[in-house]
Full PDB file with SEQRES, HELIX, SHEET, SSBOND, CRYST1, ORIGX, SCALE, CONECT and MASTER records, all heavy atoms in Angstrom:
SEQRES   1 A   43  ALA GLY LEU LEU CYS PRO ASP ALA GLY ASN ILE TYR ILE          
SEQRES   2 A   43  ASP ASN ASN MET VAL PHE GLY ALA ASN GLY THR LYS LYS          
SEQRES   3 A   43  ILE ASN LEU LYS PRO SER GLU ARG LYS ILE GLY TYR VAL          
SEQRES   4 A   43  PHE GLN THR ASN                                              
HELIX    1 AA1 PRO A   31  GLU A   33  5                                   3    
SHEET    1 AA1 3 ILE A  11  ILE A  13  0                                        
SHEET    2 AA1 3 ASN A  16  ASN A  22 -1                                        
SHEET    3 AA1 3 LYS A  25  ASN A  28 -1                                        
CRYST1    1.000    1.000    1.000  90.00  90.00  90.00 P 1           1          
ORIGX1      1.000000  0.000000  0.000000        0.00000                         
ORIGX2      0.000000  1.000000  0.000000        0.00000                         
ORIGX3      0.000000  0.000000  1.000000        0.00000                         
SCALE1      1.000000  0.000000  0.000000        0.00000                         
SCALE2      0.000000  1.000000  0.000000        0.00000                         
SCALE3      0.000000  0.000000  1.000000        0.00000                         
ATOM      1  N   ALA A   1     -17.495  -5.556  -8.232  1.00  0.00           N  
ATOM      2  CA  ALA A   1     -17.003  -5.592  -9.615  1.00  0.00           C  
ATOM      3  C   ALA A   1     -15.749  -4.751  -9.820  1.00  0.00           C  
ATOM      4  O   ALA A   1     -15.067  -4.887 -10.835  1.00  0.00           O  
ATOM      5  CB  ALA A   1     -18.101  -5.114 -10.557  1.00  0.00           C  
ATOM      6  N   GLY A   2     -15.447  -3.860  -8.878  1.00  0.00           N  
ATOM      7  CA  GLY A   2     -14.272  -3.005  -9.016  1.00  0.00           C  
ATOM      8  C   GLY A   2     -14.552  -1.676  -9.675  1.00  0.00           C  
ATOM      9  O   GLY A   2     -13.626  -0.932 -10.021  1.00  0.00           O  
ATOM     10  N   LEU A   3     -15.823  -1.339  -9.831  1.00  0.00           N  
ATOM     11  CA  LEU A   3     -16.192  -0.063 -10.449  1.00  0.00           C  
ATOM     12  C   LEU A   3     -16.230   1.069  -9.434  1.00  0.00           C  
ATOM     13  O   LEU A   3     -16.199   2.240  -9.812  1.00  0.00           O  
ATOM     14  CB  LEU A   3     -17.552  -0.194 -11.145  1.00  0.00           C  
ATOM     15  CG  LEU A   3     -17.641  -1.290 -12.222  1.00  0.00           C  
ATOM     16  CD1 LEU A   3     -19.053  -1.385 -12.770  1.00  0.00           C  
ATOM     17  CD2 LEU A   3     -16.646  -1.014 -13.341  1.00  0.00           C  
ATOM     18  N   LEU A   4     -16.348   0.717  -8.163  1.00  0.00           N  
ATOM     19  CA  LEU A   4     -16.291   1.682  -7.070  1.00  0.00           C  
ATOM     20  C   LEU A   4     -15.243   1.213  -6.069  1.00  0.00           C  
ATOM     21  O   LEU A   4     -15.140   0.015  -5.787  1.00  0.00           O  
ATOM     22  CB  LEU A   4     -17.648   1.781  -6.358  1.00  0.00           C  
ATOM     23  CG  LEU A   4     -18.666   2.804  -6.825  1.00  0.00           C  
ATOM     24  CD1 LEU A   4     -19.920   2.690  -5.964  1.00  0.00           C  
ATOM     25  CD2 LEU A   4     -18.134   4.220  -6.805  1.00  0.00           C  
ATOM     26  N   CYS A   5     -14.501   2.146  -5.515  1.00  0.00           N  
ATOM     27  CA  CYS A   5     -13.484   1.793  -4.521  1.00  0.00           C  
ATOM     28  C   CYS A   5     -14.072   1.935  -3.118  1.00  0.00           C  
ATOM     29  O   CYS A   5     -14.492   3.030  -2.728  1.00  0.00           O  
ATOM     30  CB  CYS A   5     -12.270   2.709  -4.674  1.00  0.00           C  
ATOM     31  SG  CYS A   5     -10.923   2.296  -3.541  1.00  0.00           S  
ATOM     32  N   PRO A   6     -14.140   0.858  -2.349  1.00  0.00           N  
ATOM     33  CA  PRO A   6     -14.658   0.953  -0.981  1.00  0.00           C  
ATOM     34  C   PRO A   6     -13.782   1.863  -0.118  1.00  0.00           C  
ATOM     35  O   PRO A   6     -12.596   2.058  -0.396  1.00  0.00           O  
ATOM     36  CB  PRO A   6     -14.605  -0.496  -0.479  1.00  0.00           C  
ATOM     37  CG  PRO A   6     -14.538  -1.333  -1.721  1.00  0.00           C  
ATOM     38  CD  PRO A   6     -13.780  -0.518  -2.717  1.00  0.00           C  
ATOM     39  N   ASP A   7     -14.355   2.390   0.942  1.00  0.00           N  
ATOM     40  CA  ASP A   7     -13.583   3.173   1.911  1.00  0.00           C  
ATOM     41  C   ASP A   7     -12.874   2.266   2.905  1.00  0.00           C  
ATOM     42  O   ASP A   7     -11.845   2.641   3.480  1.00  0.00           O  
ATOM     43  CB  ASP A   7     -14.512   4.136   2.666  1.00  0.00           C  
ATOM     44  CG  ASP A   7     -15.148   5.156   1.740  1.00  0.00           C  
ATOM     45  OD1 ASP A   7     -14.520   5.521   0.727  1.00  0.00           O  
ATOM     46  OD2 ASP A   7     -16.289   5.582   2.024  1.00  0.00           O  
ATOM     47  N   ALA A   8     -13.443   1.082   3.117  1.00  0.00           N  
ATOM     48  CA  ALA A   8     -12.842   0.133   4.071  1.00  0.00           C  
ATOM     49  C   ALA A   8     -13.397  -1.251   3.784  1.00  0.00           C  
ATOM     50  O   ALA A   8     -14.445  -1.410   3.163  1.00  0.00           O  
ATOM     51  CB  ALA A   8     -13.154   0.547   5.506  1.00  0.00           C  
ATOM     52  N   GLY A   9     -12.672  -2.268   4.254  1.00  0.00           N  
ATOM     53  CA  GLY A   9     -13.145  -3.640   4.123  1.00  0.00           C  
ATOM     54  C   GLY A   9     -12.320  -4.463   3.150  1.00  0.00           C  
ATOM     55  O   GLY A   9     -11.376  -3.958   2.525  1.00  0.00           O  
ATOM     56  N   ASN A  10     -12.678  -5.730   3.033  1.00  0.00           N  
ATOM     57  CA  ASN A  10     -11.991  -6.666   2.148  1.00  0.00           C  
ATOM     58  C   ASN A  10     -12.994  -7.383   1.261  1.00  0.00           C  
ATOM     59  O   ASN A  10     -14.127  -7.672   1.693  1.00  0.00           O  
ATOM     60  CB  ASN A  10     -11.212  -7.714   2.949  1.00  0.00           C  
ATOM     61  CG  ASN A  10     -10.173  -7.100   3.861  1.00  0.00           C  
ATOM     62  OD1 ASN A  10      -9.459  -6.178   3.475  1.00  0.00           O  
ATOM     63  ND2 ASN A  10     -10.083  -7.614   5.087  1.00  0.00           N  
ATOM     64  N   ILE A  11     -12.575  -7.700   0.024  1.00  0.00           N  
ATOM     65  CA  ILE A  11     -13.393  -8.477  -0.900  1.00  0.00           C  
ATOM     66  C   ILE A  11     -12.540  -9.611  -1.448  1.00  0.00           C  
ATOM     67  O   ILE A  11     -11.422  -9.384  -1.940  1.00  0.00           O  
ATOM     68  CB  ILE A  11     -13.917  -7.618  -2.074  1.00  0.00           C  
ATOM     69  CG1 ILE A  11     -14.725  -6.427  -1.570  1.00  0.00           C  
ATOM     70  CG2 ILE A  11     -14.767  -8.474  -3.021  1.00  0.00           C  
ATOM     71  CD1 ILE A  11     -15.125  -5.452  -2.669  1.00  0.00           C  
ATOM     72  N   TYR A  12     -13.074 -10.840  -1.348  1.00  0.00           N  
ATOM     73  CA  TYR A  12     -12.391 -12.011  -1.901  1.00  0.00           C  
ATOM     74  C   TYR A  12     -13.286 -12.658  -2.948  1.00  0.00           C  
ATOM     75  O   TYR A  12     -14.502 -12.767  -2.763  1.00  0.00           O  
ATOM     76  CB  TYR A  12     -12.118 -13.048  -0.810  1.00  0.00           C  
ATOM     77  CG  TYR A  12     -11.234 -12.580   0.314  1.00  0.00           C  
ATOM     78  CD1 TYR A  12     -11.771 -11.882   1.407  1.00  0.00           C  
ATOM     79  CD2 TYR A  12      -9.867 -12.842   0.317  1.00  0.00           C  
ATOM     80  CE1 TYR A  12     -10.975 -11.460   2.451  1.00  0.00           C  
ATOM     81  CE2 TYR A  12      -9.050 -12.422   1.366  1.00  0.00           C  
ATOM     82  CZ  TYR A  12      -9.615 -11.729   2.428  1.00  0.00           C  
ATOM     83  OH  TYR A  12      -8.824 -11.305   3.472  1.00  0.00           O  
ATOM     84  N   ILE A  13     -12.682 -13.096  -4.038  1.00  0.00           N  
ATOM     85  CA  ILE A  13     -13.385 -13.862  -5.056  1.00  0.00           C  
ATOM     86  C   ILE A  13     -12.584 -15.126  -5.325  1.00  0.00           C  
ATOM     87  O   ILE A  13     -11.398 -15.057  -5.677  1.00  0.00           O  
ATOM     88  CB  ILE A  13     -13.579 -13.051  -6.358  1.00  0.00           C  
ATOM     89  CG1 ILE A  13     -14.474 -11.832  -6.075  1.00  0.00           C  
ATOM     90  CG2 ILE A  13     -14.197 -13.923  -7.457  1.00  0.00           C  
ATOM     91  CD1 ILE A  13     -14.643 -10.901  -7.250  1.00  0.00           C  
ATOM     92  N   ASP A  14     -13.224 -16.263  -5.121  1.00  0.00           N  
ATOM     93  CA  ASP A  14     -12.570 -17.559  -5.288  1.00  0.00           C  
ATOM     94  C   ASP A  14     -11.296 -17.640  -4.434  1.00  0.00           C  
ATOM     95  O   ASP A  14     -10.228 -18.079  -4.907  1.00  0.00           O  
ATOM     96  CB  ASP A  14     -12.239 -17.810  -6.764  1.00  0.00           C  
ATOM     97  CG  ASP A  14     -12.048 -19.294  -7.055  1.00  0.00           C  
ATOM     98  OD1 ASP A  14     -12.447 -20.113  -6.208  1.00  0.00           O  
ATOM     99  OD2 ASP A  14     -11.489 -19.621  -8.119  1.00  0.00           O  
ATOM    100  N   ASN A  15     -11.415 -17.192  -3.201  1.00  0.00           N  
ATOM    101  CA  ASN A  15     -10.332 -17.218  -2.197  1.00  0.00           C  
ATOM    102  C   ASN A  15      -9.170 -16.276  -2.511  1.00  0.00           C  
ATOM    103  O   ASN A  15      -8.147 -16.313  -1.828  1.00  0.00           O  
ATOM    104  CB  ASN A  15      -9.790 -18.642  -2.023  1.00  0.00           C  
ATOM    105  CG  ASN A  15     -10.827 -19.577  -1.425  1.00  0.00           C  
ATOM    106  OD1 ASN A  15     -11.583 -19.191  -0.542  1.00  0.00           O  
ATOM    107  ND2 ASN A  15     -10.877 -20.800  -1.925  1.00  0.00           N  
ATOM    108  N   ASN A  16      -9.330 -15.440  -3.523  1.00  0.00           N  
ATOM    109  CA  ASN A  16      -8.298 -14.464  -3.861  1.00  0.00           C  
ATOM    110  C   ASN A  16      -8.768 -13.064  -3.478  1.00  0.00           C  
ATOM    111  O   ASN A  16      -9.890 -12.669  -3.832  1.00  0.00           O  
ATOM    112  CB  ASN A  16      -7.973 -14.503  -5.354  1.00  0.00           C  
ATOM    113  CG  ASN A  16      -7.399 -15.833  -5.782  1.00  0.00           C  
ATOM    114  OD1 ASN A  16      -6.511 -16.363  -5.129  1.00  0.00           O  
ATOM    115  ND2 ASN A  16      -7.917 -16.380  -6.876  1.00  0.00           N  
ATOM    116  N   MET A  17      -7.949 -12.305  -2.750  1.00  0.00           N  
ATOM    117  CA  MET A  17      -8.318 -10.949  -2.397  1.00  0.00           C  
ATOM    118  C   MET A  17      -8.271 -10.063  -3.639  1.00  0.00           C  
ATOM    119  O   MET A  17      -7.269 -10.003  -4.341  1.00  0.00           O  
ATOM    120  CB  MET A  17      -7.375 -10.380  -1.329  1.00  0.00           C  
ATOM    121  CG  MET A  17      -7.707  -8.951  -0.917  1.00  0.00           C  
ATOM    122  SD  MET A  17      -6.613  -8.289   0.369  1.00  0.00           S  
ATOM    123  CE  MET A  17      -7.344  -9.041   1.833  1.00  0.00           C  
ATOM    124  N   VAL A  18      -9.396  -9.398  -3.917  1.00  0.00           N  
ATOM    125  CA  VAL A  18      -9.437  -8.471  -5.051  1.00  0.00           C  
ATOM    126  C   VAL A  18      -9.456  -7.024  -4.577  1.00  0.00           C  
ATOM    127  O   VAL A  18      -9.194  -6.103  -5.344  1.00  0.00           O  
ATOM    128  CB  VAL A  18     -10.644  -8.755  -5.977  1.00  0.00           C  
ATOM    129  CG1 VAL A  18     -10.555 -10.148  -6.565  1.00  0.00           C  
ATOM    130  CG2 VAL A  18     -11.969  -8.563  -5.236  1.00  0.00           C  
ATOM    131  N   PHE A  19      -9.799  -6.844  -3.294  1.00  0.00           N  
ATOM    132  CA  PHE A  19      -9.711  -5.521  -2.677  1.00  0.00           C  
ATOM    133  C   PHE A  19      -9.455  -5.697  -1.188  1.00  0.00           C  
ATOM    134  O   PHE A  19     -10.050  -6.559  -0.534  1.00  0.00           O  
ATOM    135  CB  PHE A  19     -10.986  -4.695  -2.854  1.00  0.00           C  
ATOM    136  CG  PHE A  19     -10.904  -3.362  -2.158  1.00  0.00           C  
ATOM    137  CD1 PHE A  19     -10.344  -2.266  -2.798  1.00  0.00           C  
ATOM    138  CD2 PHE A  19     -11.330  -3.209  -0.842  1.00  0.00           C  
ATOM    139  CE1 PHE A  19     -10.211  -1.043  -2.149  1.00  0.00           C  
ATOM    140  CE2 PHE A  19     -11.203  -1.983  -0.189  1.00  0.00           C  
ATOM    141  CZ  PHE A  19     -10.642  -0.907  -0.845  1.00  0.00           C  
ATOM    142  N   GLY A  20      -8.555  -4.847  -0.657  1.00  0.00           N  
ATOM    143  CA  GLY A  20      -8.314  -4.865   0.773  1.00  0.00           C  
ATOM    144  C   GLY A  20      -6.844  -4.696   1.097  1.00  0.00           C  
ATOM    145  O   GLY A  20      -6.051  -4.251   0.265  1.00  0.00           O  
ATOM    146  N   ALA A  21      -6.491  -5.066   2.301  1.00  0.00           N  
ATOM    147  CA  ALA A  21      -5.114  -4.946   2.762  1.00  0.00           C  
ATOM    148  C   ALA A  21      -4.593  -6.301   3.190  1.00  0.00           C  
ATOM    149  O   ALA A  21      -5.212  -6.988   4.014  1.00  0.00           O  
ATOM    150  CB  ALA A  21      -5.030  -3.963   3.927  1.00  0.00           C  
ATOM    151  N   ASN A  22      -3.486  -6.703   2.601  1.00  0.00           N  
ATOM    152  CA  ASN A  22      -2.807  -7.945   2.960  1.00  0.00           C  
ATOM    153  C   ASN A  22      -1.490  -7.570   3.640  1.00  0.00           C  
ATOM    154  O   ASN A  22      -0.494  -7.313   2.991  1.00  0.00           O  
ATOM    155  CB  ASN A  22      -2.564  -8.785   1.704  1.00  0.00           C  
ATOM    156  CG  ASN A  22      -2.026 -10.159   2.037  1.00  0.00           C  
ATOM    157  OD1 ASN A  22      -1.822 -10.488   3.213  1.00  0.00           O  
ATOM    158  ND2 ASN A  22      -1.804 -10.966   1.015  1.00  0.00           N  
ATOM    159  N   GLY A  23      -1.545  -7.478   4.949  1.00  0.00           N  
ATOM    160  CA  GLY A  23      -0.403  -6.941   5.686  1.00  0.00           C  
ATOM    161  C   GLY A  23      -0.278  -5.460   5.386  1.00  0.00           C  
ATOM    162  O   GLY A  23      -1.226  -4.694   5.560  1.00  0.00           O  
ATOM    163  N   THR A  24       0.871  -5.047   4.918  1.00  0.00           N  
ATOM    164  CA  THR A  24       1.072  -3.630   4.557  1.00  0.00           C  
ATOM    165  C   THR A  24       0.750  -3.376   3.093  1.00  0.00           C  
ATOM    166  O   THR A  24       0.766  -2.231   2.646  1.00  0.00           O  
ATOM    167  CB  THR A  24       2.534  -3.225   4.830  1.00  0.00           C  
ATOM    168  OG1 THR A  24       3.410  -4.069   4.072  1.00  0.00           O  
ATOM    169  CG2 THR A  24       2.859  -3.349   6.309  1.00  0.00           C  
ATOM    170  N   LYS A  25       0.447  -4.447   2.365  1.00  0.00           N  
ATOM    171  CA  LYS A  25       0.182  -4.322   0.932  1.00  0.00           C  
ATOM    172  C   LYS A  25      -1.299  -4.069   0.679  1.00  0.00           C  
ATOM    173  O   LYS A  25      -2.158  -4.805   1.169  1.00  0.00           O  
ATOM    174  CB  LYS A  25       0.620  -5.589   0.201  1.00  0.00           C  
ATOM    175  CG  LYS A  25       0.468  -5.528  -1.303  1.00  0.00           C  
ATOM    176  CD  LYS A  25       0.933  -6.830  -1.945  1.00  0.00           C  
ATOM    177  CE  LYS A  25       0.753  -6.773  -3.466  1.00  0.00           C  
ATOM    178  NZ  LYS A  25       1.163  -8.050  -4.103  1.00  0.00           N  
ATOM    179  N   LYS A  26      -1.616  -3.019  -0.073  1.00  0.00           N  
ATOM    180  CA  LYS A  26      -2.994  -2.718  -0.433  1.00  0.00           C  
ATOM    181  C   LYS A  26      -3.294  -3.284  -1.817  1.00  0.00           C  
ATOM    182  O   LYS A  26      -2.502  -3.130  -2.745  1.00  0.00           O  
ATOM    183  CB  LYS A  26      -3.246  -1.210  -0.402  1.00  0.00           C  
ATOM    184  CG  LYS A  26      -3.187  -0.622   1.004  1.00  0.00           C  
ATOM    185  CD  LYS A  26      -3.578   0.840   1.016  1.00  0.00           C  
ATOM    186  CE  LYS A  26      -3.580   1.393   2.441  1.00  0.00           C  
ATOM    187  NZ  LYS A  26      -3.971   2.827   2.485  1.00  0.00           N  
ATOM    188  N   ILE A  27      -4.439  -3.922  -1.928  1.00  0.00           N  
ATOM    189  CA  ILE A  27      -4.823  -4.593  -3.177  1.00  0.00           C  
ATOM    190  C   ILE A  27      -6.125  -4.009  -3.699  1.00  0.00           C  
ATOM    191  O   ILE A  27      -7.086  -3.818  -2.943  1.00  0.00           O  
ATOM    192  CB  ILE A  27      -4.985  -6.108  -2.942  1.00  0.00           C  
ATOM    193  CG1 ILE A  27      -3.642  -6.722  -2.542  1.00  0.00           C  
ATOM    194  CG2 ILE A  27      -5.550  -6.805  -4.180  1.00  0.00           C  
ATOM    195  CD1 ILE A  27      -3.740  -8.169  -2.113  1.00  0.00           C  
ATOM    196  N   ASN A  28      -6.166  -3.721  -4.994  1.00  0.00           N  
ATOM    197  CA  ASN A  28      -7.386  -3.244  -5.648  1.00  0.00           C  
ATOM    198  C   ASN A  28      -7.304  -3.634  -7.123  1.00  0.00           C  
ATOM    199  O   ASN A  28      -6.863  -2.863  -7.963  1.00  0.00           O  
ATOM    200  CB  ASN A  28      -7.539  -1.735  -5.499  1.00  0.00           C  
ATOM    201  CG  ASN A  28      -8.883  -1.239  -6.019  1.00  0.00           C  
ATOM    202  OD1 ASN A  28      -9.778  -2.038  -6.316  1.00  0.00           O  
ATOM    203  ND2 ASN A  28      -9.032   0.074  -6.157  1.00  0.00           N  
ATOM    204  N   LEU A  29      -7.734  -4.869  -7.429  1.00  0.00           N  
ATOM    205  CA  LEU A  29      -7.645  -5.358  -8.795  1.00  0.00           C  
ATOM    206  C   LEU A  29      -8.598  -4.603  -9.718  1.00  0.00           C  
ATOM    207  O   LEU A  29      -9.696  -4.208  -9.315  1.00  0.00           O  
ATOM    208  CB  LEU A  29      -7.989  -6.848  -8.850  1.00  0.00           C  
ATOM    209  CG  LEU A  29      -7.052  -7.829  -8.136  1.00  0.00           C  
ATOM    210  CD1 LEU A  29      -7.452  -9.260  -8.469  1.00  0.00           C  
ATOM    211  CD2 LEU A  29      -5.604  -7.578  -8.496  1.00  0.00           C  
ATOM    212  N   LYS A  30      -8.183  -4.429 -10.965  1.00  0.00           N  
ATOM    213  CA  LYS A  30      -9.027  -3.792 -11.972  1.00  0.00           C  
ATOM    214  C   LYS A  30     -10.240  -4.683 -12.255  1.00  0.00           C  
ATOM    215  O   LYS A  30     -10.186  -5.903 -12.085  1.00  0.00           O  
ATOM    216  CB  LYS A  30      -8.225  -3.583 -13.260  1.00  0.00           C  
ATOM    217  CG  LYS A  30      -7.043  -2.646 -13.122  1.00  0.00           C  
ATOM    218  CD  LYS A  30      -6.279  -2.579 -14.434  1.00  0.00           C  
ATOM    219  CE  LYS A  30      -5.047  -1.677 -14.315  1.00  0.00           C  
ATOM    220  NZ  LYS A  30      -4.270  -1.644 -15.575  1.00  0.00           N  
ATOM    221  N   PRO A  31     -11.337  -4.069 -12.724  1.00  0.00           N  
ATOM    222  CA  PRO A  31     -12.525  -4.883 -13.047  1.00  0.00           C  
ATOM    223  C   PRO A  31     -12.217  -6.035 -13.995  1.00  0.00           C  
ATOM    224  O   PRO A  31     -12.719  -7.148 -13.810  1.00  0.00           O  
ATOM    225  CB  PRO A  31     -13.464  -3.856 -13.693  1.00  0.00           C  
ATOM    226  CG  PRO A  31     -13.085  -2.560 -13.067  1.00  0.00           C  
ATOM    227  CD  PRO A  31     -11.596  -2.632 -12.886  1.00  0.00           C  
ATOM    228  N   SER A  32     -11.383  -5.787 -14.995  1.00  0.00           N  
ATOM    229  CA  SER A  32     -11.062  -6.824 -15.982  1.00  0.00           C  
ATOM    230  C   SER A  32     -10.281  -7.988 -15.378  1.00  0.00           C  
ATOM    231  O   SER A  32     -10.266  -9.087 -15.922  1.00  0.00           O  
ATOM    232  CB  SER A  32     -10.258  -6.222 -17.134  1.00  0.00           C  
ATOM    233  OG  SER A  32      -9.050  -5.636 -16.657  1.00  0.00           O  
ATOM    234  N   GLU A  33      -9.626  -7.748 -14.243  1.00  0.00           N  
ATOM    235  CA  GLU A  33      -8.830  -8.794 -13.600  1.00  0.00           C  
ATOM    236  C   GLU A  33      -9.641  -9.636 -12.616  1.00  0.00           C  
ATOM    237  O   GLU A  33      -9.152 -10.645 -12.109  1.00  0.00           O  
ATOM    238  CB  GLU A  33      -7.648  -8.149 -12.863  1.00  0.00           C  
ATOM    239  CG  GLU A  33      -6.663  -7.420 -13.790  1.00  0.00           C  
ATOM    240  CD  GLU A  33      -5.600  -6.667 -13.018  1.00  0.00           C  
ATOM    241  OE1 GLU A  33      -5.903  -6.211 -11.893  1.00  0.00           O  
ATOM    242  OE2 GLU A  33      -4.485  -6.521 -13.533  1.00  0.00           O  
ATOM    243  N   ARG A  34     -10.867  -9.227 -12.369  1.00  0.00           N  
ATOM    244  CA  ARG A  34     -11.687  -9.942 -11.379  1.00  0.00           C  
ATOM    245  C   ARG A  34     -12.496 -11.075 -12.000  1.00  0.00           C  
ATOM    246  O   ARG A  34     -13.090 -11.875 -11.287  1.00  0.00           O  
ATOM    247  CB  ARG A  34     -12.608  -8.962 -10.652  1.00  0.00           C  
ATOM    248  CG  ARG A  34     -11.833  -7.865  -9.939  1.00  0.00           C  
ATOM    249  CD  ARG A  34     -12.685  -7.043  -9.008  1.00  0.00           C  
ATOM    250  NE  ARG A  34     -11.909  -5.948  -8.426  1.00  0.00           N  
ATOM    251  CZ  ARG A  34     -12.269  -5.227  -7.374  1.00  0.00           C  
ATOM    252  NH1 ARG A  34     -13.426  -5.483  -6.764  1.00  0.00           N  
ATOM    253  NH2 ARG A  34     -11.503  -4.258  -6.918  1.00  0.00           N  
ATOM    254  N   LYS A  35     -12.568 -11.111 -13.331  1.00  0.00           N  
ATOM    255  CA  LYS A  35     -13.239 -12.198 -14.062  1.00  0.00           C  
ATOM    256  C   LYS A  35     -14.687 -12.378 -13.606  1.00  0.00           C  
ATOM    257  O   LYS A  35     -15.120 -13.472 -13.232  1.00  0.00           O  
ATOM    258  CB  LYS A  35     -12.442 -13.493 -13.904  1.00  0.00           C  
ATOM    259  CG  LYS A  35     -11.032 -13.408 -14.479  1.00  0.00           C  
ATOM    260  CD  LYS A  35     -10.264 -14.690 -14.279  1.00  0.00           C  
ATOM    261  CE  LYS A  35      -8.855 -14.558 -14.855  1.00  0.00           C  
ATOM    262  NZ  LYS A  35      -8.047 -15.793 -14.669  1.00  0.00           N  
ATOM    263  N   ILE A  36     -15.399 -11.263 -13.627  1.00  0.00           N  
ATOM    264  CA  ILE A  36     -16.796 -11.235 -13.193  1.00  0.00           C  
ATOM    265  C   ILE A  36     -17.684 -10.817 -14.369  1.00  0.00           C  
ATOM    266  O   ILE A  36     -17.341  -9.901 -15.115  1.00  0.00           O  
ATOM    267  CB  ILE A  36     -16.999 -10.236 -12.037  1.00  0.00           C  
ATOM    268  CG1 ILE A  36     -16.324 -10.747 -10.766  1.00  0.00           C  
ATOM    269  CG2 ILE A  36     -18.472  -9.982 -11.765  1.00  0.00           C  
ATOM    270  CD1 ILE A  36     -16.385  -9.765  -9.620  1.00  0.00           C  
ATOM    271  N   GLY A  37     -18.816 -11.498 -14.516  1.00  0.00           N  
ATOM    272  CA  GLY A  37     -19.835 -11.034 -15.449  1.00  0.00           C  
ATOM    273  C   GLY A  37     -20.759 -10.076 -14.723  1.00  0.00           C  
ATOM    274  O   GLY A  37     -21.070 -10.277 -13.541  1.00  0.00           O  
ATOM    275  N   TYR A  38     -21.189  -9.007 -15.397  1.00  0.00           N  
ATOM    276  CA  TYR A  38     -22.009  -7.984 -14.736  1.00  0.00           C  
ATOM    277  C   TYR A  38     -23.070  -7.495 -15.711  1.00  0.00           C  
ATOM    278  O   TYR A  38     -22.753  -7.033 -16.808  1.00  0.00           O  
ATOM    279  CB  TYR A  38     -21.114  -6.826 -14.289  1.00  0.00           C  
ATOM    280  CG  TYR A  38     -21.725  -5.843 -13.295  1.00  0.00           C  
ATOM    281  CD1 TYR A  38     -20.935  -4.899 -12.655  1.00  0.00           C  
ATOM    282  CD2 TYR A  38     -23.087  -5.844 -13.002  1.00  0.00           C  
ATOM    283  CE1 TYR A  38     -21.468  -3.993 -11.744  1.00  0.00           C  
ATOM    284  CE2 TYR A  38     -23.632  -4.955 -12.098  1.00  0.00           C  
ATOM    285  CZ  TYR A  38     -22.824  -4.020 -11.473  1.00  0.00           C  
ATOM    286  OH  TYR A  38     -23.364  -3.132 -10.575  1.00  0.00           O  
ATOM    287  N   VAL A  39     -24.319  -7.602 -15.308  1.00  0.00           N  
ATOM    288  CA  VAL A  39     -25.422  -7.029 -16.083  1.00  0.00           C  
ATOM    289  C   VAL A  39     -25.955  -5.840 -15.296  1.00  0.00           C  
ATOM    290  O   VAL A  39     -26.471  -5.988 -14.189  1.00  0.00           O  
ATOM    291  CB  VAL A  39     -26.555  -8.048 -16.314  1.00  0.00           C  
ATOM    292  CG1 VAL A  39     -27.711  -7.399 -17.064  1.00  0.00           C  
ATOM    293  CG2 VAL A  39     -26.025  -9.237 -17.114  1.00  0.00           C  
ATOM    294  N   PHE A  40     -25.819  -4.661 -15.871  1.00  0.00           N  
ATOM    295  CA  PHE A  40     -26.224  -3.427 -15.203  1.00  0.00           C  
ATOM    296  C   PHE A  40     -27.735  -3.239 -15.283  1.00  0.00           C  
ATOM    297  O   PHE A  40     -28.419  -3.827 -16.122  1.00  0.00           O  
ATOM    298  CB  PHE A  40     -25.534  -2.215 -15.839  1.00  0.00           C  
ATOM    299  CG  PHE A  40     -24.038  -2.221 -15.705  1.00  0.00           C  
ATOM    300  CD1 PHE A  40     -23.246  -2.859 -16.654  1.00  0.00           C  
ATOM    301  CD2 PHE A  40     -23.414  -1.600 -14.636  1.00  0.00           C  
ATOM    302  CE1 PHE A  40     -21.871  -2.869 -16.537  1.00  0.00           C  
ATOM    303  CE2 PHE A  40     -22.039  -1.605 -14.514  1.00  0.00           C  
ATOM    304  CZ  PHE A  40     -21.268  -2.235 -15.466  1.00  0.00           C  
ATOM    305  N   GLN A  41     -28.234  -2.364 -14.415  1.00  0.00           N  
ATOM    306  CA  GLN A  41     -29.653  -2.032 -14.418  1.00  0.00           C  
ATOM    307  C   GLN A  41     -30.036  -1.393 -15.750  1.00  0.00           C  
ATOM    308  O   GLN A  41     -31.109  -1.626 -16.287  1.00  0.00           O  
ATOM    309  CB  GLN A  41     -29.966  -1.074 -13.258  1.00  0.00           C  
ATOM    310  CG  GLN A  41     -31.419  -1.056 -12.871  1.00  0.00           C  
ATOM    311  CD  GLN A  41     -31.627  -0.389 -11.532  1.00  0.00           C  
ATOM    312  OE1 GLN A  41     -30.696   0.069 -10.883  1.00  0.00           O  
ATOM    313  NE2 GLN A  41     -32.861  -0.326 -11.098  1.00  0.00           N  
ATOM    314  N   THR A  42     -29.148  -0.581 -16.282  1.00  0.00           N  
ATOM    315  CA  THR A  42     -29.306  -0.046 -17.636  1.00  0.00           C  
ATOM    316  C   THR A  42     -28.246  -0.721 -18.488  1.00  0.00           C  
ATOM    317  O   THR A  42     -27.079  -0.793 -18.109  1.00  0.00           O  
ATOM    318  CB  THR A  42     -29.094   1.473 -17.664  1.00  0.00           C  
ATOM    319  OG1 THR A  42     -27.806   1.789 -17.103  1.00  0.00           O  
ATOM    320  CG2 THR A  42     -30.171   2.175 -16.858  1.00  0.00           C  
ATOM    321  N   ASN A  43     -28.652  -1.247 -19.629  1.00  0.00           N  
ATOM    322  CA  ASN A  43     -27.709  -2.036 -20.423  1.00  0.00           C  
ATOM    323  C   ASN A  43     -26.565  -1.157 -20.927  1.00  0.00           C  
ATOM    324  O   ASN A  43     -26.713   0.052 -21.093  1.00  0.00           O  
ATOM    325  CB  ASN A  43     -28.435  -2.712 -21.593  1.00  0.00           C  
ATOM    326  CG  ASN A  43     -28.712  -1.759 -22.738  1.00  0.00           C  
ATOM    327  OD1 ASN A  43     -27.810  -1.429 -23.517  1.00  0.00           O  
ATOM    328  ND2 ASN A  43     -29.961  -1.314 -22.853  1.00  0.00           N  
TER     329      ASN A  43                                                      
MASTER        0    0    0    1    3    0    0    6  328    1    0    4          
END                                                                             
């Protein structure tokens, strides 16, 4: 969801990288830019 920053690895949503490294470019989209619905354990 983008609420925690991984230490390593890549995340793709709908074939778009939302976190990771694309060549020398580092990508970390904001939660609002990932277009994800999220229901937390505590509302």
